[in-house]
Amino acid sequence: MRAANPAGRSLAIDAFRALTVLLMITVNEWSGVAGLPVWMKHYPADADAMSFVDMVFPAFLFIVGMSIPLALGQREAAGEPPGQILRHVLMRSLGLLVLGVFMVNAESGFAAQAMPLPIAAWALLAYACAFLVWGSLRGGPPLAWPWRLLGVLGLLALALVYRGGESGQLGLRPQWWGILGLIGWAYLLACLVHLLCRAHPARLLLALGLGLLYALAARHPGLNQQPGLALLLGAGGHVVHALIVVCGMLCAALSRGPSRQVWGQALALATGLALLAALLRPLHGISKIYATPSWALFSAAACVLIHALLQELIDRRGLRGWTRWLQPAAAHPLLAYLLPFVIAALLQLLQLSMPAVLRSTVPGLLWGPFYALLMLALVRGLSAAGLRLRL
């Protein structure tokens, strides 16, 4: 794939990432809106169906996969030893897991009467500590180590004072890993695949096949209920998410060469993934909640075609002007994703709420994308002031 700018980044991937983040914000706002049609909501776990909303999370995983060869390849080209690269991957994954667990516990499972401070204040302090650990000001490097150490100690203190369960008998725990935590697990597994396979399509296809066999074995009742195998097969959902990332890596490996060749490979890959998804559908159905293989493969197939279209328009035909307003979200996706949660916690602490009319059908439908654009403008302002938040 031809580099789209001096930094070697693909503007098509950047645009895809930014659009996905904006859509994430939009559908999160839609989640509380009454009267929306079913195709604008997440399908129930047992529905054996999916909407475009169920594809937003897989789209981000797919983009993570397209970015891994570029990001780790730059480190390899700079001469970083494999051990140092692996350490970077582990620390980044750990950061995503930590953020995911804190966000999940701030949303539900807490015992308000047993908490030493309001849950909204607890959440805001957690976001502030996360910024001390992973943030920077004035566009420079991460904050000095005393500030980062203070952030780590703050997160530990917040974890210790957290009270969950009906009577506060439980502490901070991964009720589930949260979106960021799930991305962290998938990123870790896919990076290990990259270190083994690099950008060789045949090796990536082999890894995809082996991962799919593992995911199917993890769902087989005759295997996953055996005491000796239950622990070994317990990461089935994480592997399914990682398969989407690997599909993105495979797409990146095939997105080189003349336009006709790239389109042919994209169509072949998307068709193969969709056919495989259809063949596997009778086994476990389509479910985002259960992370079924068919859901992952159908989503990856759609992402292959979306990227091919964006690559054709942006990287090949040079239609780049419209992507400039997306750059803040493309360059700072974590900041853009977290800002709505920070604002929601702040409003909760101040005992303020959005007007009820924004939870009705038409106003709520329009508010979702408008709010996403507001977050984009806020990210633009913060990034222009030099604020960064990167794991």
Protein backbone atom coordinates (compact mmCIF):
# COMPACT_ATOMS: atom_id res chain seq x y z
CA MET A 1 0.00 0.00 0.00
CA ARG A 2 1.49 3.35 -1.04
CA ALA A 3 2.28 5.70 1.79
CA ALA A 4 -0.20 8.53 1.86
CA ASN A 5 1.98 11.04 3.65
CA PRO A 6 5.57 11.53 4.77
CA ALA A 7 5.03 9.69 8.03
CA GLY A 8 4.09 6.55 6.11
CA ARG A 9 0.51 6.59 7.39
CA SER A 10 -2.39 5.69 5.16
CA LEU A 11 -4.99 8.42 5.05
CA ALA A 12 -7.58 5.78 4.19
CA ILE A 13 -6.85 3.92 7.44
CA ASP A 14 -6.89 7.22 9.35
CA ALA A 15 -10.25 8.14 7.84
CA PHE A 16 -11.65 4.69 8.59
CA ARG A 17 -10.46 4.96 12.20
CA ALA A 18 -11.92 8.43 12.69
CA LEU A 19 -15.28 7.52 11.14
CA THR A 20 -15.46 4.45 13.37
CA VAL A 21 -14.75 6.46 16.52
CA LEU A 22 -17.40 9.02 15.57
CA LEU A 23 -19.87 6.22 14.92
CA MET A 24 -18.99 4.70 18.32
CA ILE A 25 -19.89 7.97 20.01
CA THR A 26 -23.07 8.24 17.96
CA VAL A 27 -24.40 4.77 18.73
CA ASN A 28 -23.54 5.18 22.41
CA GLU A 29 -25.77 8.26 22.45
CA TRP A 30 -28.48 6.37 20.57
CA SER A 31 -28.51 3.60 23.18
CA GLY A 32 -30.87 5.58 25.44
CA VAL A 33 -33.15 6.87 22.69
CA ALA A 34 -36.68 5.46 22.56
CA GLY A 35 -38.40 4.41 19.35
CA LEU A 36 -35.39 3.81 17.13
CA PRO A 37 -35.76 1.01 14.56
CA VAL A 38 -34.12 -2.32 15.35
CA TRP A 39 -31.41 -1.88 12.72
CA MET A 40 -30.11 1.16 14.65
CA LYS A 41 -29.61 -0.80 17.86
CA HIS A 42 -27.54 -3.73 19.08
CA TYR A 43 -29.38 -6.98 18.50
CA PRO A 44 -30.10 -9.16 21.57
CA ALA A 45 -27.60 -11.92 22.30
CA ASP A 46 -29.85 -14.75 21.06
CA ALA A 47 -31.29 -13.02 18.00
CA ASP A 48 -29.02 -14.71 15.40
CA ALA A 49 -28.78 -11.37 13.61
CA MET A 50 -26.68 -8.24 13.47
CA SER A 51 -27.13 -4.58 12.58
CA PHE A 52 -24.57 -2.05 11.42
CA VAL A 53 -24.35 -0.99 15.09
CA ASP A 54 -23.01 -4.47 15.90
CA MET A 55 -20.22 -3.85 13.38
CA VAL A 56 -18.80 -0.70 14.99
CA PHE A 57 -16.66 -2.52 17.56
CA PRO A 58 -15.37 -5.04 14.97
CA ALA A 59 -14.52 -2.15 12.65
CA PHE A 60 -12.23 -0.67 15.28
CA LEU A 61 -10.61 -4.08 15.86
CA PHE A 62 -10.11 -4.41 12.10
CA ILE A 63 -8.38 -1.01 11.97
CA VAL A 64 -6.16 -2.02 14.88
CA GLY A 65 -5.10 -4.95 12.73
CA MET A 66 -4.34 -2.75 9.74
CA SER A 67 -2.23 -0.48 11.94
CA ILE A 68 -0.19 -3.17 13.70
CA PRO A 69 2.14 -3.96 10.76
CA LEU A 70 2.82 -0.24 10.27
CA ALA A 71 3.39 0.55 13.95
CA LEU A 72 5.47 -2.49 14.86
CA GLY A 73 7.19 -2.42 11.47
CA GLN A 74 8.50 1.07 12.22
CA ARG A 75 9.92 -0.16 15.51
CA GLU A 76 11.55 -3.12 13.79
CA ALA A 77 12.98 -0.87 11.09
CA ALA A 78 14.42 1.39 13.80
CA GLY A 79 16.36 -1.56 15.15
CA GLU A 80 14.34 -2.28 18.31
CA PRO A 81 15.00 -5.84 19.54
CA PRO A 82 12.03 -8.23 19.72
CA GLY A 83 12.09 -8.18 23.52
CA GLN A 84 11.66 -4.42 23.62
CA ILE A 85 8.84 -4.56 21.09
CA LEU A 86 7.11 -7.27 23.10
CA ARG A 87 7.47 -5.14 26.25
CA HIS A 88 5.80 -2.23 24.42
CA VAL A 89 2.95 -4.51 23.34
CA LEU A 90 2.48 -5.88 26.86
CA MET A 91 2.45 -2.44 28.47
CA ARG A 92 -0.02 -1.09 25.93
CA SER A 93 -2.29 -4.08 26.40
CA LEU A 94 -2.08 -3.70 30.17
CA GLY A 95 -3.06 -0.05 29.90
CA LEU A 96 -6.15 -0.92 27.86
CA LEU A 97 -7.12 -3.63 30.34
CA VAL A 98 -6.76 -1.26 33.29
CA LEU A 99 -8.83 1.44 31.63
CA GLY A 100 -11.48 -1.08 30.61
CA VAL A 101 -11.87 -2.49 34.12
CA PHE A 102 -12.12 0.95 35.73
CA MET A 103 -14.72 2.07 33.19
CA VAL A 104 -16.84 -1.06 33.65
CA ASN A 105 -16.84 -0.73 37.43
CA ALA A 106 -17.77 2.95 37.18
CA GLU A 107 -20.82 2.07 35.08
CA SER A 108 -22.31 -0.77 37.13
CA GLY A 109 -21.76 -3.21 39.98
CA PHE A 110 -20.82 -0.58 42.57
CA ALA A 111 -22.41 -0.28 46.02
CA ALA A 112 -23.13 3.45 46.26
CA GLN A 113 -23.88 3.34 49.99
CA ALA A 114 -20.52 1.69 50.74
CA MET A 115 -18.38 3.93 48.53
CA PRO A 116 -16.39 6.65 50.33
CA LEU A 117 -17.22 9.10 47.54
CA PRO A 118 -19.83 9.38 44.77
CA ILE A 119 -19.20 7.01 41.90
CA ALA A 120 -19.05 9.95 39.46
CA ALA A 121 -16.25 11.54 41.49
CA TRP A 122 -14.49 8.17 41.66
CA ALA A 123 -14.70 7.87 37.87
CA LEU A 124 -13.42 11.41 37.29
CA LEU A 125 -10.47 10.77 39.58
CA ALA A 126 -9.75 7.56 37.66
CA TYR A 127 -9.71 9.47 34.36
CA ALA A 128 -7.45 12.12 35.91
CA CYS A 129 -5.03 9.45 37.14
CA ALA A 130 -5.08 7.79 33.73
CA PHE A 131 -4.08 11.11 32.18
CA LEU A 132 -1.19 11.44 34.62
CA VAL A 133 0.05 8.00 33.58
CA TRP A 134 -0.47 8.17 29.82
CA GLY A 135 -1.07 11.83 28.99
CA SER A 136 1.13 14.71 27.96
CA LEU A 137 0.84 18.48 27.65
CA ARG A 138 1.94 20.98 25.01
CA GLY A 139 2.39 18.16 22.51
CA GLY A 140 5.50 16.89 24.25
CA PRO A 141 6.56 13.54 25.73
CA PRO A 142 4.64 11.87 28.57
CA LEU A 143 4.55 13.70 31.87
CA ALA A 144 7.63 13.45 34.10
CA TRP A 145 7.94 10.25 36.11
CA PRO A 146 6.80 11.78 39.45
CA TRP A 147 3.47 12.69 37.86
CA ARG A 148 3.18 9.25 36.26
CA LEU A 149 3.98 7.57 39.56
CA LEU A 150 1.33 9.73 41.23
CA GLY A 151 -1.16 8.52 38.61
CA VAL A 152 -0.29 4.87 39.24
CA LEU A 153 -0.62 5.32 43.01
CA GLY A 154 -3.91 7.13 42.49
CA LEU A 155 -5.32 4.25 40.44
CA LEU A 156 -4.20 1.78 43.10
CA ALA A 157 -5.86 3.88 45.83
CA LEU A 158 -9.08 4.12 43.84
CA ALA A 159 -9.05 0.36 43.32
CA LEU A 160 -8.65 -0.18 47.06
CA VAL A 161 -11.54 2.09 48.07
CA TYR A 162 -13.95 0.71 45.47
CA ARG A 163 -16.89 -1.25 46.86
CA GLY A 164 -19.07 -3.49 44.74
CA GLY A 165 -21.88 -5.98 45.20
CA GLU A 166 -25.17 -5.47 46.98
CA SER A 167 -23.62 -4.63 50.35
CA GLY A 168 -20.14 -3.52 49.31
CA GLN A 169 -18.53 -6.87 50.01
CA LEU A 170 -16.75 -6.97 46.64
CA GLY A 171 -13.80 -4.98 45.38
CA LEU A 172 -12.72 -3.79 41.95
CA ARG A 173 -12.95 -6.69 39.51
CA PRO A 174 -13.37 -7.38 35.79
CA GLN A 175 -17.14 -7.90 35.69
CA TRP A 176 -16.31 -7.88 32.03
CA TRP A 177 -13.30 -6.25 30.42
CA GLY A 178 -15.09 -3.35 28.78
CA ILE A 179 -14.59 -2.32 25.18
CA LEU A 180 -11.08 -1.05 25.83
CA GLY A 181 -10.14 -4.20 27.71
CA LEU A 182 -11.44 -6.42 24.92
CA ILE A 183 -9.38 -4.38 22.47
CA GLY A 184 -6.39 -4.88 24.76
CA TRP A 185 -6.70 -8.68 24.73
CA ALA A 186 -7.25 -8.78 20.97
CA TYR A 187 -4.31 -6.42 20.38
CA LEU A 188 -2.01 -8.58 22.49
CA LEU A 189 -2.94 -11.83 20.72
CA ALA A 190 -2.76 -10.26 17.26
CA CYS A 191 0.65 -8.68 17.96
CA LEU A 192 1.96 -12.11 18.89
CA VAL A 193 0.64 -13.34 15.54
CA HIS A 194 2.41 -10.47 13.79
CA LEU A 195 5.71 -11.25 15.48
CA LEU A 196 5.40 -14.83 14.25
CA CYS A 197 3.93 -14.24 10.79
CA ARG A 198 4.97 -10.70 9.86
CA ALA A 199 3.07 -9.59 6.73
CA HIS A 200 3.06 -12.94 4.92
CA PRO A 201 -0.51 -13.55 3.67
CA ALA A 202 -0.15 -17.35 3.70
CA ARG A 203 1.06 -17.36 7.30
CA LEU A 204 -1.70 -14.97 8.33
CA LEU A 205 -4.29 -17.21 6.66
CA LEU A 206 -2.86 -20.17 8.59
CA ALA A 207 -3.06 -18.19 11.84
CA LEU A 208 -6.65 -17.22 10.99
CA GLY A 209 -7.57 -20.85 10.39
CA LEU A 210 -5.93 -22.10 13.57
CA GLY A 211 -7.56 -19.33 15.60
CA LEU A 212 -10.94 -20.19 14.12
CA LEU A 213 -10.50 -23.87 15.02
CA TYR A 214 -9.63 -22.83 18.58
CA ALA A 215 -12.68 -20.57 18.80
CA LEU A 216 -14.94 -23.38 17.58
CA ALA A 217 -13.39 -25.83 20.05
CA ALA A 218 -13.97 -23.31 22.86
CA ARG A 219 -17.70 -23.37 22.04
CA HIS A 220 -18.02 -27.14 21.79
CA PRO A 221 -19.87 -28.35 24.90
CA GLY A 222 -18.04 -31.64 24.85
CA LEU A 223 -14.72 -29.83 25.16
CA ASN A 224 -15.31 -26.61 27.09
CA GLN A 225 -17.04 -28.45 29.94
CA GLN A 226 -14.16 -30.82 30.56
CA PRO A 227 -12.26 -29.75 33.70
CA GLY A 228 -8.89 -30.16 32.04
CA LEU A 229 -9.84 -28.23 28.89
CA ALA A 230 -12.10 -25.53 30.33
CA LEU A 231 -9.17 -23.39 31.44
CA LEU A 232 -7.26 -23.92 28.19
CA LEU A 233 -10.26 -22.97 26.06
CA GLY A 234 -11.42 -20.12 28.30
CA ALA A 235 -10.17 -17.38 26.00
CA GLY A 236 -12.49 -18.25 23.13
CA GLY A 237 -14.12 -14.82 23.01
CA HIS A 238 -10.77 -13.04 23.08
CA VAL A 239 -9.56 -15.21 20.21
CA VAL A 240 -12.64 -14.37 18.14
CA HIS A 241 -11.94 -10.66 18.65
CA ALA A 242 -8.29 -11.26 17.75
CA LEU A 243 -9.41 -12.98 14.54
CA ILE A 244 -10.97 -9.70 13.41
CA VAL A 245 -7.65 -7.96 14.11
CA VAL A 246 -5.82 -10.64 12.11
CA CYS A 247 -8.27 -10.07 9.24
CA GLY A 248 -7.21 -6.41 9.31
CA MET A 249 -3.55 -7.46 9.21
CA LEU A 250 -4.29 -9.72 6.26
CA CYS A 251 -6.14 -6.92 4.48
CA ALA A 252 -3.14 -4.62 5.01
CA ALA A 253 -0.82 -7.26 3.56
CA LEU A 254 -3.00 -7.55 0.45
CA SER A 255 -3.56 -3.80 -0.02
CA ARG A 256 -0.49 -3.29 -2.18
CA GLY A 257 -0.05 -3.06 -5.90
CA PRO A 258 -2.21 -1.74 -8.76
CA SER A 259 -5.80 -0.77 -8.09
CA ARG A 260 -7.30 -3.62 -10.10
CA GLN A 261 -5.18 -6.17 -8.26
CA VAL A 262 -6.05 -4.71 -4.86
CA TRP A 263 -9.75 -4.68 -5.65
CA GLY A 264 -9.59 -8.28 -6.86
CA GLN A 265 -7.86 -9.39 -3.69
CA ALA A 266 -10.26 -7.42 -1.53
CA LEU A 267 -13.28 -8.95 -3.24
CA ALA A 268 -11.79 -12.43 -2.95
CA LEU A 269 -10.99 -11.97 0.74
CA ALA A 270 -14.39 -10.46 1.57
CA THR A 271 -16.21 -13.19 -0.35
CA GLY A 272 -14.20 -15.93 1.34
CA LEU A 273 -14.83 -14.50 4.82
CA ALA A 274 -18.55 -14.06 4.13
CA LEU A 275 -18.93 -17.60 2.76
CA LEU A 276 -17.10 -19.04 5.75
CA ALA A 277 -19.35 -17.00 8.07
CA ALA A 278 -22.44 -18.34 6.31
CA LEU A 279 -21.20 -21.93 6.59
CA LEU A 280 -20.52 -21.57 10.32
CA ARG A 281 -23.73 -19.72 11.11
CA PRO A 282 -25.83 -22.86 11.82
CA LEU A 283 -23.37 -23.85 14.55
CA HIS A 284 -23.55 -20.81 16.81
CA GLY A 285 -25.53 -18.13 14.98
CA ILE A 286 -24.62 -14.47 14.70
CA SER A 287 -24.15 -12.65 17.99
CA LYS A 288 -21.98 -9.73 19.00
CA ILE A 289 -22.66 -10.41 22.69
CA TYR A 290 -21.53 -14.02 22.43
CA ALA A 291 -18.69 -13.10 20.03
CA THR A 292 -19.59 -15.86 17.58
CA PRO A 293 -17.24 -16.62 14.68
CA SER A 294 -19.92 -15.82 12.09
CA TRP A 295 -20.44 -12.34 13.55
CA ALA A 296 -16.69 -11.73 13.45
CA LEU A 297 -16.24 -13.01 9.89
CA PHE A 298 -19.25 -11.15 8.45
CA SER A 299 -18.01 -7.95 10.12
CA ALA A 300 -14.47 -8.43 8.81
CA ALA A 301 -15.79 -9.06 5.29
CA ALA A 302 -17.68 -5.76 5.33
CA CYS A 303 -14.60 -3.94 6.70
CA VAL A 304 -12.45 -5.29 3.85
CA LEU A 305 -14.81 -3.70 1.31
CA ILE A 306 -15.14 -0.43 3.24
CA HIS A 307 -11.37 -0.08 3.41
CA ALA A 308 -10.99 -0.90 -0.29
CA LEU A 309 -13.45 1.87 -1.14
CA LEU A 310 -11.74 4.41 1.13
CA GLN A 311 -8.33 3.43 -0.21
CA GLU A 312 -9.51 3.88 -3.77
CA LEU A 313 -11.05 7.29 -3.10
CA ILE A 314 -8.41 8.73 -0.74
CA ASP A 315 -5.06 7.06 -1.31
CA ARG A 316 -5.39 6.44 -5.04
CA ARG A 317 -7.71 9.09 -6.47
CA GLY A 318 -6.51 11.77 -4.08
CA LEU A 319 -9.93 12.80 -2.72
CA ARG A 320 -8.40 13.83 0.59
CA GLY A 321 -9.81 17.26 1.34
CA TRP A 322 -12.82 15.94 3.25
CA THR A 323 -10.57 13.87 5.52
CA ARG A 324 -8.90 16.91 7.10
CA TRP A 325 -11.73 17.50 9.55
CA LEU A 326 -11.41 13.86 10.66
CA GLN A 327 -7.73 14.09 11.55
CA PRO A 328 -8.18 14.93 15.27
CA ALA A 329 -10.21 11.78 15.87
CA ALA A 330 -7.85 9.75 13.68
CA ALA A 331 -4.76 10.94 15.57
CA HIS A 332 -6.35 10.83 19.06
CA PRO A 333 -8.92 8.01 19.05
CA LEU A 334 -8.53 7.17 22.75
CA LEU A 335 -9.10 10.78 23.76
CA ALA A 336 -12.13 11.03 21.47
CA TYR A 337 -13.60 7.81 22.86
CA LEU A 338 -13.10 8.73 26.53
CA LEU A 339 -14.31 12.33 26.42
CA PRO A 340 -18.05 11.47 26.40
CA PHE A 341 -17.57 9.29 29.49
CA VAL A 342 -15.70 12.11 31.26
CA ILE A 343 -18.47 14.55 30.40
CA ALA A 344 -21.17 12.09 31.53
CA ALA A 345 -19.43 11.61 34.90
CA LEU A 346 -19.04 15.37 35.32
CA LEU A 347 -22.73 15.97 34.59
CA GLN A 348 -23.69 13.20 37.02
CA LEU A 349 -21.51 14.69 39.75
CA LEU A 350 -23.13 18.10 39.18
CA GLN A 351 -26.57 16.43 39.15
CA LEU A 352 -27.25 17.68 35.65
CA SER A 353 -28.76 15.76 32.77
CA MET A 354 -29.47 16.14 29.09
CA PRO A 355 -32.96 17.42 28.16
CA ALA A 356 -35.49 14.60 28.07
CA VAL A 357 -36.44 15.52 24.51
CA LEU A 358 -33.05 14.23 23.34
CA ARG A 359 -34.16 10.74 24.38
CA SER A 360 -37.18 10.80 22.07
CA THR A 361 -37.02 9.37 18.57
CA VAL A 362 -36.32 12.16 16.07
CA PRO A 363 -34.41 14.60 18.32
CA GLY A 364 -32.41 11.68 19.74
CA LEU A 365 -31.65 10.40 16.26
CA LEU A 366 -30.25 13.78 15.25
CA TRP A 367 -28.49 14.39 18.56
CA GLY A 368 -26.29 11.30 18.24
CA PRO A 369 -24.22 12.42 15.22
CA PHE A 370 -24.34 16.06 16.36
CA TYR A 371 -22.85 15.10 19.72
CA ALA A 372 -20.15 13.10 17.93
CA LEU A 373 -19.25 16.21 15.92
CA LEU A 374 -19.14 18.24 19.14
CA MET A 375 -16.66 15.72 20.55
CA LEU A 376 -14.63 15.99 17.36
CA ALA A 377 -14.47 19.78 17.78
CA LEU A 378 -13.46 19.38 21.42
CA VAL A 379 -10.71 16.91 20.50
CA ARG A 380 -9.51 19.32 17.84
CA GLY A 381 -9.25 22.11 20.42
CA LEU A 382 -7.53 19.96 23.03
CA SER A 383 -5.05 18.53 20.55
CA ALA A 384 -4.29 21.99 19.19
CA ALA A 385 -3.48 23.04 22.77
CA GLY A 386 -1.03 20.13 22.93
CA LEU A 387 -2.99 17.70 25.11
CA ARG A 388 -2.27 14.06 24.31
CA LEU A 389 -3.48 10.74 25.69
CA ARG A 390 -1.68 7.74 24.22
CA LEU A 391 -0.88 4.31 25.57
